[in-house]
Amino acid sequence: MKRVTLVAACVLLISSAAVAQDNLSDFGPVGGEGPAETQTAAAPDGPLTFYGDRPSFDAANPGLPIEDWEDFIIGAGGVAGCDAPANSTTSCPGVYSAGDILPGLELVDDVGPDPGGLVALGVGFNGNASIQFGSNTFVDALVLNFSPAVGAAGMEIACHFSAGTVDVVMNDSGGTLIGSTTSACSNAGTFFGVDSSVAIGSIRIFEQGGAQAELIDNIAFGGPAVPVTLQSIEVD
């Protein structure tokens, strides 16, 4: 009987520890590095066109600035929580300083913004070959705000600790839904890109199961929305 009681107590202790670790920053590094992945792009949705690999996205949206977080000072294998929001005017001790994030891009957790609501991962924390940044809490979504609104955005979407699927929702600058889709995500990051004839004010990324933290890397953004116009020709 005592042995059974001890085993039950150990199981309860392990379960309690797992429940307590509801932030990615509660975990230590797993290690390893791998290349970013690609995916099959979803079919266009109204004004939205999707891309599953960076070369195709870049060809359609050339010359966009890229935020790769490489000005961050977090070390290899490191993990550190940061307060939300994160933008060009904010800072996070030991991670980044004001001016390290490109103007026009802001990250925030949803529901949030919260203290420690974001997290930075150093190279090789868990299969990532470069620094990743995003939502710290498993039950929160990651929101990317663009100011001004943009015509295109492309990035690697990461989720830890296993591959999964996230919902990706695009809104205009007034918060009105433009459209939505799903994307694969992985520890090393899976490319997702979108361009739109309606300017994108925000992108919300969320894993419905609440067991993944959503992060991004190498985000290209900007460009005007290109309206779709109906052209006519005259026939003699």
Protein backbone atom coordinates (compact mmCIF):
# COMPACT_ATOMS: atom_id res chain seq x y z
CA MET A 1 0.00 0.00 0.00
CA LYS A 2 2.79 2.41 0.83
CA ARG A 3 4.41 1.74 -2.56
CA VAL A 4 1.17 2.49 -4.40
CA THR A 5 0.72 5.69 -2.41
CA LEU A 6 4.26 6.79 -3.24
CA VAL A 7 3.79 6.19 -6.96
CA ALA A 8 0.51 8.11 -6.92
CA ALA A 9 2.19 10.99 -5.12
CA CYS A 10 4.98 11.08 -7.70
CA VAL A 11 2.49 11.14 -10.57
CA LEU A 12 0.61 13.99 -8.89
CA LEU A 13 3.84 15.93 -8.40
CA ILE A 14 4.85 15.53 -12.05
CA SER A 15 1.37 16.53 -13.25
CA SER A 16 1.38 19.61 -11.01
CA ALA A 17 4.77 20.67 -12.37
CA ALA A 18 3.55 20.32 -15.94
CA VAL A 19 0.48 22.42 -15.22
CA ALA A 20 2.61 25.09 -13.58
CA GLN A 21 4.76 25.40 -16.71
CA ASP A 22 2.27 27.44 -18.72
CA ASN A 23 4.92 29.78 -20.15
CA LEU A 24 7.64 28.86 -22.60
CA SER A 25 10.11 30.74 -20.39
CA ASP A 26 9.46 28.15 -17.64
CA PHE A 27 11.37 25.56 -19.66
CA GLY A 28 15.09 25.01 -20.15
CA PRO A 29 16.72 24.55 -23.55
CA VAL A 30 16.25 21.28 -25.42
CA GLY A 31 19.01 21.95 -27.95
CA GLY A 32 19.58 21.27 -31.62
CA GLU A 33 19.23 23.34 -34.75
CA GLY A 34 17.45 22.75 -38.03
CA PRO A 35 16.52 24.58 -41.24
CA ALA A 36 13.23 26.40 -41.62
CA GLU A 37 10.55 24.37 -43.36
CA THR A 38 8.20 25.09 -46.26
CA GLN A 39 4.60 24.08 -46.88
CA THR A 40 1.97 23.95 -49.59
CA ALA A 41 0.29 27.33 -49.79
CA ALA A 42 -3.44 27.58 -49.16
CA ALA A 43 -5.72 28.63 -52.01
CA PRO A 44 -6.33 32.37 -52.36
CA ASP A 45 -9.13 33.77 -50.20
CA GLY A 46 -10.81 36.90 -51.58
CA PRO A 47 -8.18 39.67 -51.50
CA LEU A 48 -5.57 37.38 -49.91
CA THR A 49 -2.91 35.32 -51.70
CA PHE A 50 -0.84 32.89 -49.62
CA TYR A 51 2.72 31.59 -50.01
CA GLY A 52 4.36 28.50 -48.53
CA ASP A 53 8.01 29.29 -49.33
CA ARG A 54 10.13 32.43 -49.18
CA PRO A 55 11.42 32.47 -52.78
CA SER A 56 7.85 32.56 -54.15
CA PHE A 57 6.85 35.25 -51.66
CA ASP A 58 9.95 37.36 -52.40
CA ALA A 59 9.37 37.10 -56.14
CA ALA A 60 5.84 38.48 -55.71
CA ASN A 61 6.85 41.06 -53.08
CA PRO A 62 10.46 42.09 -53.71
CA GLY A 63 12.56 44.43 -51.59
CA LEU A 64 10.64 44.32 -48.30
CA PRO A 65 12.52 45.07 -45.07
CA ILE A 66 13.11 42.02 -42.85
CA GLU A 67 13.12 41.92 -39.05
CA ASP A 68 15.28 38.94 -38.07
CA TRP A 69 15.80 39.77 -34.35
CA GLU A 70 19.55 39.49 -34.86
CA ASP A 71 20.14 42.80 -33.04
CA PHE A 72 18.87 41.02 -29.91
CA ILE A 73 21.58 40.11 -27.38
CA ILE A 74 20.06 36.90 -26.00
CA GLY A 75 22.69 34.15 -26.05
CA ALA A 76 22.62 30.75 -27.73
CA GLY A 77 20.17 28.39 -26.04
CA GLY A 78 18.75 31.25 -23.98
CA VAL A 79 15.12 31.88 -23.10
CA ALA A 80 13.82 35.13 -21.62
CA GLY A 81 10.39 36.61 -21.07
CA CYS A 82 9.70 40.19 -22.14
CA ASP A 83 6.86 42.57 -21.42
CA ALA A 84 4.37 43.30 -24.19
CA PRO A 85 4.01 45.21 -26.40
CA ALA A 86 7.34 45.05 -28.22
CA ASN A 87 8.13 47.67 -30.84
CA SER A 88 10.87 50.11 -31.89
CA THR A 89 10.36 52.26 -28.76
CA THR A 90 10.34 49.51 -26.10
CA SER A 91 13.16 47.48 -24.51
CA CYS A 92 13.63 44.21 -22.61
CA PRO A 93 16.63 43.88 -20.25
CA GLY A 94 19.07 41.24 -21.44
CA VAL A 95 17.20 40.75 -24.72
CA TYR A 96 16.84 43.92 -26.79
CA SER A 97 17.09 47.71 -26.57
CA ALA A 98 14.92 50.49 -27.95
CA GLY A 99 15.55 50.76 -31.68
CA ASP A 100 16.42 47.07 -32.15
CA ILE A 101 13.00 46.32 -33.70
CA LEU A 102 12.19 47.83 -37.09
CA PRO A 103 9.67 50.70 -37.01
CA GLY A 104 6.19 49.81 -38.16
CA LEU A 105 6.08 46.39 -36.47
CA GLU A 106 4.68 45.60 -33.02
CA LEU A 107 4.22 42.27 -31.25
CA VAL A 108 1.69 41.73 -28.45
CA ASP A 109 0.17 38.74 -26.70
CA ASP A 110 -3.60 38.25 -26.90
CA VAL A 111 -5.14 38.30 -24.32
CA GLY A 112 -2.77 41.10 -23.32
CA PRO A 113 -0.56 43.02 -23.32
CA ASP A 114 0.87 41.41 -20.20
CA PRO A 115 4.13 41.60 -18.24
CA GLY A 116 6.25 38.71 -19.48
CA GLY A 117 3.70 38.05 -22.21
CA LEU A 118 6.40 37.67 -24.89
CA VAL A 119 9.47 35.45 -25.06
CA ALA A 120 12.77 35.41 -26.96
CA LEU A 121 14.60 32.17 -27.76
CA GLY A 122 18.32 32.09 -28.46
CA VAL A 123 19.81 30.02 -31.25
CA GLY A 124 19.47 26.30 -30.60
CA PHE A 125 16.95 26.54 -27.76
CA ASN A 126 14.74 23.95 -29.40
CA GLY A 127 15.64 23.31 -33.02
CA ASN A 128 15.80 26.97 -34.03
CA ALA A 129 18.78 28.02 -36.15
CA SER A 130 18.25 31.72 -35.36
CA ILE A 131 16.57 33.87 -32.73
CA GLN A 132 12.79 33.59 -32.46
CA PHE A 133 10.40 35.99 -30.71
CA GLY A 134 6.71 35.73 -29.88
CA SER A 135 4.06 34.70 -27.40
CA ASN A 136 5.28 33.30 -24.07
CA THR A 137 2.03 31.87 -22.70
CA PHE A 138 0.61 28.71 -24.27
CA VAL A 139 -3.02 29.87 -23.98
CA ASP A 140 -2.39 33.28 -25.56
CA ALA A 141 -2.27 34.16 -29.25
CA LEU A 142 0.46 36.21 -30.91
CA VAL A 143 -0.62 39.41 -32.67
CA LEU A 144 1.49 41.35 -35.17
CA ASN A 145 0.40 44.98 -35.56
CA PHE A 146 1.53 47.01 -38.58
CA SER A 147 1.62 50.80 -38.62
CA PRO A 148 1.12 51.82 -41.33
CA ALA A 149 -0.88 48.87 -42.63
CA VAL A 150 0.96 46.72 -45.18
CA GLY A 151 0.28 44.95 -48.43
CA ALA A 152 2.35 41.87 -47.60
CA ALA A 153 4.00 39.95 -44.76
CA GLY A 154 6.06 36.76 -44.81
CA MET A 155 7.70 34.94 -41.89
CA GLU A 156 8.66 31.63 -40.35
CA ILE A 157 6.07 30.55 -37.78
CA ALA A 158 7.43 28.47 -34.92
CA CYS A 159 5.64 26.46 -32.28
CA HIS A 160 7.20 24.63 -29.36
CA PHE A 161 7.57 21.82 -28.43
CA SER A 162 6.17 19.87 -31.37
CA ALA A 163 4.97 20.51 -34.91
CA GLY A 164 1.39 21.65 -35.20
CA THR A 165 -1.11 23.88 -36.97
CA VAL A 166 -2.04 27.47 -36.21
CA ASP A 167 -4.93 29.68 -37.25
CA VAL A 168 -3.81 32.87 -39.02
CA VAL A 169 -6.27 35.77 -39.14
CA MET A 170 -5.73 38.98 -41.14
CA ASN A 171 -7.55 42.21 -40.16
CA ASP A 172 -7.43 45.69 -41.64
CA SER A 173 -6.25 48.70 -39.65
CA GLY A 174 -9.75 49.18 -38.23
CA GLY A 175 -9.95 45.61 -36.94
CA THR A 176 -12.30 44.37 -39.65
CA LEU A 177 -11.67 40.81 -40.81
CA ILE A 178 -10.03 40.51 -44.23
CA GLY A 179 -9.70 36.73 -44.21
CA SER A 180 -8.14 33.76 -42.47
CA THR A 181 -6.37 30.47 -43.10
CA THR A 182 -4.26 27.87 -41.31
CA SER A 183 -0.52 27.32 -41.39
CA ALA A 184 1.84 24.58 -40.34
CA CYS A 185 4.36 25.47 -37.65
CA SER A 186 7.46 23.73 -36.34
CA ASN A 187 10.26 24.15 -33.82
CA ALA A 188 12.62 25.45 -36.50
CA GLY A 189 9.86 27.53 -38.12
CA THR A 190 7.64 26.99 -41.18
CA PHE A 191 7.31 29.71 -43.80
CA PHE A 192 3.99 31.52 -44.18
CA GLY A 193 3.44 34.49 -46.44
CA VAL A 194 0.46 36.58 -47.48
CA ASP A 195 -0.21 39.57 -49.68
CA SER A 196 -3.47 41.42 -50.03
CA SER A 197 -5.34 43.95 -52.12
CA VAL A 198 -6.76 45.24 -48.80
CA ALA A 199 -4.10 46.68 -46.51
CA ILE A 200 -3.31 44.42 -43.52
CA GLY A 201 -3.31 46.14 -40.14
CA SER A 202 -2.74 43.06 -38.00
CA ILE A 203 -2.13 39.31 -38.15
CA ARG A 204 -3.24 37.03 -35.30
CA ILE A 205 -1.57 33.62 -34.92
CA PHE A 206 -3.06 31.04 -32.55
CA GLU A 207 -2.79 27.31 -31.89
CA GLN A 208 -6.25 26.21 -30.81
CA GLY A 209 -5.11 23.43 -28.48
CA GLY A 210 -3.44 25.85 -26.07
CA ALA A 211 -0.38 23.57 -25.88
CA GLN A 212 1.95 25.58 -28.12
CA ALA A 213 3.62 28.96 -27.87
CA GLU A 214 3.59 30.81 -31.21
CA LEU A 215 6.76 32.65 -32.27
CA ILE A 216 8.04 34.18 -35.51
CA ASP A 217 11.34 34.88 -37.23
CA ASN A 218 12.63 36.67 -40.33
CA ILE A 219 9.46 38.67 -40.92
CA ALA A 220 9.36 40.64 -44.15
CA PHE A 221 6.63 43.28 -44.17
CA GLY A 222 5.53 46.41 -45.97
CA GLY A 223 4.55 47.49 -49.41
CA PRO A 224 1.26 49.02 -50.47
CA ALA A 225 -1.80 46.90 -50.98
CA VAL A 226 -2.27 46.47 -54.72
CA PRO A 227 -5.95 46.83 -55.60
CA VAL A 228 -7.48 44.37 -58.02
CA THR A 229 -8.95 46.35 -60.93
CA LEU A 230 -11.15 45.19 -63.78
CA GLN A 231 -9.57 46.04 -67.10
CA SER A 232 -11.55 46.38 -70.30
CA ILE A 233 -10.61 46.38 -73.96
CA GLU A 234 -12.35 47.89 -76.91
CA VAL A 235 -13.33 45.66 -79.78
CA ASP A 236 -13.79 47.24 -83.20
